[in-house]
Amino acid sequence: LRLKSLFPRSHSARSPGRSAVVVKLWRRMPKENHFEVEYAKSSMATCRVCMAKVPKGALRIGHIQLEAGTEVPPAPLLENDATAAAMAKTDEDKRAAIVAGATRWHHFECFSRMRGSKWMAANLPRDPKSIQRFSEIKKPDQKKVVQLWKAMLVSAGGKATGGTASSELKSTGTKRKASGSAADAASKKQAKAEAAEKMARLTSPKGVLSAKDHKRVRALEAELAATTAAKLHAELELNHQVRSGKKDELVQRVAEGRVLGALPKCPRCEMGRIHWSRIGGWHSCPGYYDKDLGIAKRCYFRAQSMKRKKWKLK
């Protein structure tokens, strides 16, 4: 199924059409969040955090939002955004399905950066064993998922026992106010620091990096953790790199840049900034925002290798 066939030019760039209305209405409906874990069936799906492809056989975590009470679609419909639209009858419904109804896949290492801690606290199930297809993955990977889940929940302020992180916060709110003390605050701070360290170990894989480069990147990540986001933004802008994302993503991007060099602009659209993932080693361009037309333009450039430039510090 060609992606271009799903986006017929029946509407002008500034006229959203029926599909945009469908998506807006869908977003207002009550939602249920569903999570699943599995090994990628192909290399088609794109990680929604790093925008790189998820290699076939790699451990991945999916998230899908459905209307309350809706049954989760069968596995074949959840491979990527385009397959969810393949079952739609009209072009408008296909486009709406792409935006609203497909599973968003993530590398295992990227999943913790999918949303902020507040969203995780409100929507993440506290028992990782309740995730769909958890029992179907290998025991060592089950252990990794449990460790990641516990670290995310501690960072979000909840506990891994049952229900959601937000329910834990609500049920213990009164007790916390009554028994709050400096010792409790210090204990929570230490627990969050330990969780952050564990999450860093789980989500900072060697990937395609050599052992030497991985060691240098990890050392730089630890060093840059105390740097302000503003300084990280400035260094990325100086080297014309992607500046969006949370602070830990900026830290990782700067550390990789200092070791490997700066990524060039996209050779296809000549405007977009290249995304790179050390997990599969793929370079990709999601596109760019056209200020003159006021629209986002997609780009499907992908390459296994690209020549990097010298990284600038000043």
Protein backbone atom coordinates (compact mmCIF):
# COMPACT_ATOMS: atom_id res chain seq x y z
CA LEU A 1 0.00 0.00 0.00
CA ARG A 2 1.56 3.27 -1.14
CA LEU A 3 1.34 6.08 1.39
CA LYS A 4 0.77 8.67 -1.34
CA SER A 5 -2.45 6.92 -2.34
CA LEU A 6 -3.80 7.60 1.16
CA PHE A 7 -3.45 11.36 0.78
CA PRO A 8 -5.40 12.44 -2.31
CA ARG A 9 -5.25 16.16 -3.03
CA SER A 10 -9.01 16.62 -2.87
CA HIS A 11 -8.65 19.53 -0.45
CA SER A 12 -6.45 22.60 -0.49
CA ALA A 13 -3.51 22.89 1.92
CA ARG A 14 -5.48 25.22 4.14
CA SER A 15 -8.78 23.34 3.97
CA PRO A 16 -8.74 20.43 6.44
CA GLY A 17 -11.74 18.61 4.90
CA ARG A 18 -13.81 15.86 6.41
CA SER A 19 -10.90 13.76 7.72
CA ALA A 20 -9.67 16.59 9.98
CA VAL A 21 -13.18 16.95 11.39
CA VAL A 22 -13.34 13.20 12.02
CA VAL A 23 -10.02 13.30 13.86
CA LYS A 24 -11.08 16.28 15.98
CA LEU A 25 -14.31 14.57 16.97
CA TRP A 26 -12.44 11.36 17.74
CA ARG A 27 -10.00 13.20 20.01
CA ARG A 28 -12.88 14.58 22.09
CA MET A 29 -14.34 11.14 22.80
CA PRO A 30 -13.48 9.25 26.04
CA LYS A 31 -10.33 7.22 25.47
CA GLU A 32 -8.70 4.09 26.84
CA ASN A 33 -4.96 3.56 26.57
CA HIS A 34 -3.71 0.11 25.62
CA PHE A 35 -0.11 -1.08 25.66
CA GLU A 36 1.53 -4.13 24.12
CA VAL A 37 4.98 -5.60 23.77
CA GLU A 38 6.31 -7.91 21.08
CA TYR A 39 9.11 -8.57 18.60
CA ALA A 40 8.79 -6.54 15.40
CA LYS A 41 7.27 -8.63 12.61
CA SER A 42 8.98 -6.54 9.93
CA SER A 43 11.07 -3.39 9.53
CA MET A 44 8.13 -1.27 8.38
CA ALA A 45 7.10 0.43 11.64
CA THR A 46 8.67 3.74 12.66
CA CYS A 47 9.56 4.51 16.27
CA ARG A 48 7.46 7.49 17.35
CA VAL A 49 10.26 8.91 19.51
CA CYS A 50 13.46 8.71 17.44
CA MET A 51 11.65 8.42 14.05
CA ALA A 52 13.95 5.55 13.00
CA LYS A 53 12.65 2.20 11.76
CA VAL A 54 12.22 -0.62 14.26
CA PRO A 55 14.33 -3.53 12.94
CA LYS A 56 12.63 -6.88 12.37
CA GLY A 57 12.87 -9.04 15.49
CA ALA A 58 13.64 -6.09 17.81
CA LEU A 59 11.74 -5.75 21.07
CA ARG A 60 9.17 -2.99 20.72
CA ILE A 61 6.40 -1.47 22.83
CA GLY A 62 3.17 -0.21 21.30
CA HIS A 63 0.59 2.29 22.47
CA ILE A 64 -2.90 2.76 21.06
CA GLN A 65 -5.77 5.00 22.13
CA LEU A 66 -9.27 3.66 21.49
CA GLU A 67 -12.76 4.84 22.30
CA ALA A 68 -13.81 3.61 25.73
CA GLY A 69 -15.15 0.06 25.46
CA THR A 70 -13.65 -0.61 22.02
CA GLU A 71 -11.91 -3.94 21.51
CA VAL A 72 -8.24 -3.80 20.52
CA PRO A 73 -7.85 -4.64 16.79
CA PRO A 74 -6.15 -7.94 15.87
CA ALA A 75 -2.36 -7.96 15.48
CA PRO A 76 -2.21 -7.72 11.65
CA LEU A 77 -3.85 -4.29 11.76
CA LEU A 78 -1.31 -2.91 14.19
CA GLU A 79 1.92 -3.29 12.18
CA ASN A 80 2.15 0.37 11.20
CA ASP A 81 0.08 3.47 10.48
CA ALA A 82 -0.71 2.56 6.89
CA THR A 83 -2.10 -0.91 7.61
CA ALA A 84 -4.67 0.51 9.99
CA ALA A 85 -6.01 2.61 7.14
CA ALA A 86 -6.08 -0.25 4.66
CA MET A 87 -9.39 -1.50 6.08
CA ALA A 88 -11.12 1.88 5.74
CA LYS A 89 -13.65 2.25 2.90
CA THR A 90 -13.15 5.90 1.91
CA ASP A 91 -10.08 8.08 1.42
CA GLU A 92 -11.17 10.42 4.20
CA ASP A 93 -11.60 7.54 6.65
CA LYS A 94 -8.21 6.16 5.63
CA ARG A 95 -6.54 9.45 6.45
CA ALA A 96 -8.41 9.65 9.76
CA ALA A 97 -7.38 6.10 10.64
CA ILE A 98 -3.73 6.93 10.06
CA VAL A 99 -3.88 9.85 12.48
CA ALA A 100 -6.17 8.40 15.12
CA GLY A 101 -6.53 4.65 14.99
CA ALA A 102 -3.11 3.02 14.58
CA THR A 103 -0.73 1.63 17.14
CA ARG A 104 2.25 3.87 17.80
CA TRP A 105 5.32 1.64 18.03
CA HIS A 106 8.51 2.48 19.93
CA HIS A 107 11.88 0.90 20.37
CA PHE A 108 12.09 -0.60 23.84
CA GLU A 109 14.90 1.86 24.52
CA CYS A 110 12.81 4.85 23.38
CA PHE A 111 9.48 4.07 25.05
CA SER A 112 10.22 5.91 28.32
CA ARG A 113 10.48 9.16 26.32
CA MET A 114 7.11 8.68 24.59
CA ARG A 115 5.32 11.14 26.90
CA GLY A 116 6.04 13.24 29.99
CA SER A 117 5.94 11.97 33.57
CA LYS A 118 2.48 13.49 34.22
CA TRP A 119 0.96 11.58 31.31
CA MET A 120 2.72 8.40 32.40
CA ALA A 121 1.43 8.84 35.94
CA ALA A 122 -2.13 9.22 34.66
CA ASN A 123 -2.18 6.46 32.04
CA LEU A 124 0.54 3.87 32.59
CA PRO A 125 -0.73 0.54 34.05
CA ARG A 126 1.24 -0.22 37.19
CA ASP A 127 1.53 -3.95 36.52
CA PRO A 128 3.72 -4.57 33.43
CA LYS A 129 2.46 -8.15 33.26
CA SER A 130 -0.93 -6.78 32.24
CA ILE A 131 0.51 -5.51 28.94
CA GLN A 132 -0.78 -7.41 25.94
CA ARG A 133 1.45 -10.29 24.77
CA PHE A 134 3.81 -9.84 27.73
CA SER A 135 3.78 -13.60 28.38
CA GLU A 136 4.79 -14.30 24.75
CA ILE A 137 8.22 -12.61 24.93
CA LYS A 138 11.35 -14.30 26.26
CA LYS A 139 12.03 -14.39 30.00
CA PRO A 140 15.11 -12.08 29.87
CA ASP A 141 13.07 -9.53 27.91
CA GLN A 142 10.18 -9.86 30.36
CA LYS A 143 12.66 -8.96 33.11
CA LYS A 144 13.83 -5.92 31.12
CA VAL A 145 10.25 -4.72 30.61
CA VAL A 146 9.46 -5.11 34.33
CA GLN A 147 12.61 -3.16 35.28
CA LEU A 148 11.80 -0.39 32.81
CA TRP A 149 8.18 -0.20 33.99
CA LYS A 150 9.19 0.09 37.65
CA ALA A 151 11.73 2.81 36.84
CA MET A 152 9.16 4.79 34.83
CA LEU A 153 6.56 4.52 37.58
CA VAL A 154 8.97 5.64 40.29
CA SER A 155 9.96 8.61 38.11
CA ALA A 156 6.26 9.38 37.62
CA GLY A 157 5.60 9.19 41.37
CA GLY A 158 3.67 5.90 41.52
CA LYS A 159 4.31 2.27 42.47
CA ALA A 160 4.19 -0.91 40.44
CA THR A 161 1.42 -2.92 42.09
CA GLY A 162 -1.90 -2.59 40.22
CA GLY A 163 -4.24 -0.10 38.53
CA THR A 164 -2.54 3.06 37.24
CA ALA A 165 0.11 5.37 38.62
CA SER A 166 -2.41 8.19 39.01
CA SER A 167 -4.69 6.04 41.19
CA GLU A 168 -1.73 5.37 43.47
CA LEU A 169 -1.05 9.09 43.78
CA LYS A 170 -4.70 9.84 44.59
CA SER A 171 -5.08 7.04 47.14
CA THR A 172 -1.96 8.07 49.09
CA GLY A 173 -2.28 11.83 48.77
CA THR A 174 -3.81 12.37 52.22
CA LYS A 175 -1.25 10.17 53.94
CA ARG A 176 1.58 11.99 52.25
CA LYS A 177 0.36 15.35 53.46
CA ALA A 178 -0.09 14.02 56.99
CA SER A 179 3.24 12.25 57.27
CA GLY A 180 5.32 14.39 54.96
CA SER A 181 8.78 15.12 56.32
CA ALA A 182 12.27 16.01 55.20
CA ALA A 183 13.28 12.35 55.54
CA ASP A 184 10.43 11.25 53.27
CA ALA A 185 11.36 13.89 50.71
CA ALA A 186 15.01 12.79 50.76
CA SER A 187 13.98 9.15 50.40
CA LYS A 188 11.75 9.91 47.42
CA LYS A 189 14.46 12.00 45.81
CA GLN A 190 16.97 9.16 46.20
CA ALA A 191 14.46 6.65 44.81
CA LYS A 192 13.88 8.83 41.75
CA ALA A 193 17.62 9.25 41.22
CA GLU A 194 18.13 5.48 41.38
CA ALA A 195 15.21 4.95 38.99
CA ALA A 196 16.68 7.49 36.56
CA GLU A 197 20.06 5.72 36.68
CA LYS A 198 18.44 2.33 36.05
CA MET A 199 16.39 3.76 33.20
CA ALA A 200 19.55 5.24 31.66
CA ARG A 201 21.23 1.82 31.70
CA LEU A 202 18.21 0.17 30.07
CA THR A 203 17.60 2.86 27.45
CA SER A 204 21.17 3.69 26.40
CA PRO A 205 22.05 0.65 24.28
CA LYS A 206 25.31 0.08 22.45
CA GLY A 207 23.45 -0.52 19.18
CA VAL A 208 25.69 0.01 16.15
CA LEU A 209 28.29 1.95 18.16
CA SER A 210 31.69 0.40 18.70
CA ALA A 211 32.58 -0.50 22.28
CA LYS A 212 35.00 2.44 22.40
CA ASP A 213 32.48 4.97 21.06
CA HIS A 214 29.73 3.66 23.35
CA LYS A 215 31.98 4.12 26.37
CA ARG A 216 32.80 7.70 25.30
CA VAL A 217 29.13 8.51 24.66
CA ARG A 218 28.06 7.14 28.06
CA ALA A 219 30.77 9.18 29.79
CA LEU A 220 29.67 12.34 27.99
CA GLU A 221 26.00 11.68 28.81
CA ALA A 222 26.90 11.50 32.51
CA GLU A 223 28.92 14.71 32.20
CA LEU A 224 26.22 16.59 30.26
CA ALA A 225 23.41 15.59 32.62
CA ALA A 226 24.14 18.67 34.75
CA THR A 227 24.14 21.02 31.73
CA THR A 228 21.10 23.26 31.28
CA ALA A 229 18.67 22.61 28.44
CA ALA A 230 19.38 26.10 27.10
CA LYS A 231 23.10 25.31 26.63
CA LEU A 232 22.27 21.98 24.99
CA HIS A 233 19.86 23.74 22.61
CA ALA A 234 22.54 26.30 21.76
CA GLU A 235 25.14 23.63 20.97
CA LEU A 236 22.69 21.69 18.79
CA GLU A 237 21.67 24.85 16.93
CA LEU A 238 25.32 25.75 16.36
CA ASN A 239 25.71 22.39 14.60
CA HIS A 240 22.33 22.58 12.80
CA GLN A 241 20.96 19.50 14.55
CA VAL A 242 17.45 18.53 15.73
CA ARG A 243 16.63 20.51 18.89
CA SER A 244 13.24 19.10 19.85
CA GLY A 245 12.69 16.60 22.67
CA LYS A 246 13.20 16.22 26.40
CA LYS A 247 16.46 17.04 28.13
CA ASP A 248 17.70 13.43 28.19
CA GLU A 249 17.20 13.28 24.41
CA LEU A 250 19.19 16.50 24.00
CA VAL A 251 21.95 15.10 26.22
CA GLN A 252 22.12 11.92 24.13
CA ARG A 253 22.12 13.88 20.86
CA VAL A 254 24.96 16.19 21.96
CA ALA A 255 27.01 13.28 23.34
CA GLU A 256 26.63 11.32 20.10
CA GLY A 257 27.45 14.42 18.07
CA ARG A 258 30.65 15.13 19.96
CA VAL A 259 31.82 11.56 19.43
CA LEU A 260 30.54 10.85 15.90
CA GLY A 261 30.23 14.31 14.35
CA ALA A 262 27.35 16.48 13.10
CA LEU A 263 24.66 15.11 10.80
CA PRO A 264 24.21 16.92 7.46
CA LYS A 265 20.92 18.27 6.09
CA CYS A 266 18.63 15.93 4.24
CA PRO A 267 19.99 15.39 0.70
CA ARG A 268 16.50 14.70 -0.68
CA CYS A 269 14.32 17.61 0.52
CA GLU A 270 17.38 19.79 1.36
CA MET A 271 15.44 21.37 4.24
CA GLY A 272 14.78 18.69 6.87
CA ARG A 273 17.14 17.74 9.64
CA ILE A 274 18.34 14.15 9.83
CA HIS A 275 17.32 11.86 12.70
CA TRP A 276 19.64 9.00 13.63
CA SER A 277 19.13 6.01 15.90
CA ARG A 278 22.03 3.96 17.18
CA ILE A 279 19.71 0.95 17.59
CA GLY A 280 19.42 0.17 13.90
CA GLY A 281 21.91 2.71 12.59
CA TRP A 282 19.41 4.22 10.14
CA HIS A 283 19.33 7.88 9.15
CA SER A 284 15.91 9.32 8.30
CA CYS A 285 14.22 12.63 7.55
CA PRO A 286 10.61 13.19 8.70
CA GLY A 287 10.31 16.40 6.67
CA TYR A 288 10.12 20.08 7.55
CA TYR A 289 7.71 22.96 8.10
CA ASP A 290 7.20 25.22 5.09
CA LYS A 291 6.77 28.71 6.53
CA ASP A 292 5.63 30.22 3.23
CA LEU A 293 2.80 27.72 2.73
CA GLY A 294 2.13 27.25 6.42
CA ILE A 295 2.13 23.44 6.20
CA ALA A 296 4.36 20.53 7.19
CA LYS A 297 5.96 18.71 4.27
CA ARG A 298 6.79 15.03 4.66
CA CYS A 299 10.04 13.47 3.49
CA TYR A 300 10.73 9.74 3.30
CA PHE A 301 14.51 9.79 3.02
CA ARG A 302 16.31 6.84 4.64
CA ALA A 303 19.95 5.77 4.50
CA GLN A 304 22.14 3.33 6.38
CA SER A 305 25.23 5.56 6.25
CA MET A 306 25.92 9.28 5.87
CA LYS A 307 29.07 11.36 6.00
CA ARG A 308 29.13 13.50 9.14
CA LYS A 309 30.73 16.89 9.64
CA LYS A 310 33.08 18.11 12.34
CA TRP A 311 31.26 18.97 15.58
CA LYS A 312 31.57 22.59 16.74
CA LEU A 313 31.81 23.50 20.41
CA LYS A 314 32.05 27.29 19.95
